[in-house]
C-alpha atoms as a PDB file:
ATOM      1  CA  UNK A   1      80.862 -89.922 -20.064  1.00  0.00           C
ATOM      2  CA  UNK A   2      81.105 -92.710 -17.524  1.00  0.00           C
ATOM      3  CA  UNK A   3      83.528 -95.570 -18.324  1.00  0.00           C
ATOM      4  CA  UNK A   4      80.722 -98.096 -17.832  1.00  0.00           C
ATOM      5  CA  UNK A   5      78.659 -96.386 -20.528  1.00  0.00           C
ATOM      6  CA  UNK A   6      81.624 -96.323 -22.906  1.00  0.00           C
ATOM      7  CA  UNK A   7      82.224-100.044 -22.345  1.00  0.00           C
ATOM      8  CA  UNK A   8      78.519-100.791 -22.852  1.00  0.00           C
ATOM      9  CA  UNK A   9      78.545 -98.998 -26.202  1.00  0.00           C
ATOM     10  CA  UNK A  10      81.804-100.645 -27.273  1.00  0.00           C
ATOM     11  CA  UNK A  11      80.453-104.102 -26.401  1.00  0.00           C
ATOM     12  CA  UNK A  12      77.261-103.630 -28.412  1.00  0.00           C
ATOM     13  CA  UNK A  13      78.566-101.700 -31.413  1.00  0.00           C
ATOM     14  CA  UNK A  14      81.511-103.637 -32.734  1.00  0.00           C
ATOM     15  CA  UNK A  15      81.299-103.654 -36.503  1.00  0.00           C
ATOM     16  CA  UNK A  16      83.688-100.777 -37.273  1.00  0.00           C
ATOM     17  CA  UNK A  17      85.036 -97.504 -35.942  1.00  0.00           C
ATOM     18  CA  UNK A  18      82.613 -95.355 -37.953  1.00  0.00           C
ATOM     19  CA  UNK A  19      79.600 -97.113 -36.508  1.00  0.00           C
ATOM     20  CA  UNK A  20      81.074 -96.760 -33.017  1.00  0.00           C
ATOM     21  CA  UNK A  21      81.642 -93.034 -33.575  1.00  0.00           C
ATOM     22  CA  UNK A  22      78.070 -92.685 -34.860  1.00  0.00           C
ATOM     23  CA  UNK A  23      76.721 -94.448 -31.784  1.00  0.00           C
ATOM     24  CA  UNK A  24      78.666 -92.127 -29.489  1.00  0.00           C
ATOM     25  CA  UNK A  25      77.350 -89.067 -31.339  1.00  0.00           C
ATOM     26  CA  UNK A  26      73.817 -90.431 -31.200  1.00  0.00           C
ATOM     27  CA  UNK A  27      73.997 -90.996 -27.428  1.00  0.00           C
ATOM     28  CA  UNK A  28      75.424 -87.527 -26.881  1.00  0.00           C
ATOM     29  CA  UNK A  29      72.734 -85.890 -29.029  1.00  0.00           C
ATOM     30  CA  UNK A  30      69.983 -87.877 -27.290  1.00  0.00           C
ATOM     31  CA  UNK A  31      71.358 -86.762 -23.937  1.00  0.00           C
ATOM     32  CA  UNK A  32      71.434 -83.105 -24.944  1.00  0.00           C
ATOM     33  CA  UNK A  33      67.966 -83.207 -26.506  1.00  0.00           C
ATOM     34  CA  UNK A  34      66.378 -84.763 -23.419  1.00  0.00           C
ATOM     35  CA  UNK A  35      68.601 -82.760 -21.037  1.00  0.00           C
ATOM     36  CA  UNK A  36      69.610 -85.873 -19.120  1.00  0.00           C
ATOM     37  CA  UNK A  37      73.016 -87.170 -18.070  1.00  0.00           C
ATOM     38  CA  UNK A  38      74.530 -90.001 -20.072  1.00  0.00           C
ATOM     39  CA  UNK A  39      73.854 -93.304 -18.336  1.00  0.00           C
ATOM     40  CA  UNK A  40      73.639 -96.896 -19.510  1.00  0.00           C
ATOM     41  CA  UNK A  41      69.839 -96.674 -19.534  1.00  0.00           C
ATOM     42  CA  UNK A  42      69.960 -93.542 -21.665  1.00  0.00           C
ATOM     43  CA  UNK A  43      72.437 -95.214 -24.036  1.00  0.00           C
ATOM     44  CA  UNK A  44      70.104 -98.212 -24.351  1.00  0.00           C
ATOM     45  CA  UNK A  45      67.222 -95.890 -25.276  1.00  0.00           C
ATOM     46  CA  UNK A  46      69.307 -93.868 -27.712  1.00  0.00           C
ATOM     47  CA  UNK A  47      70.648 -96.979 -29.433  1.00  0.00           C
ATOM     48  CA  UNK A  48      67.550 -99.172 -29.271  1.00  0.00           C
ATOM     49  CA  UNK A  49      67.428 -99.326 -33.092  1.00  0.00           C
ATOM     50  CA  UNK A  50      71.127-100.165 -33.407  1.00  0.00           C
ATOM     51  CA  UNK A  51      71.715-102.866 -30.808  1.00  0.00           C
ATOM     52  CA  UNK A  52      70.145-106.238 -30.164  1.00  0.00           C
ATOM     53  CA  UNK A  53      68.593-106.917 -26.764  1.00  0.00           C
END
């Protein structure tokens, strides 16, 4: 995973470590399901229900 993607997730999911871990798992699963590399755009799509715009 790119450092920029990790920082993006950390900036937008900051309530607790469990929620952060869940967000990382969700992005990884979304990436595998759609067979696409993990990018900031993919993370935004995967976490669209979890983060505010």
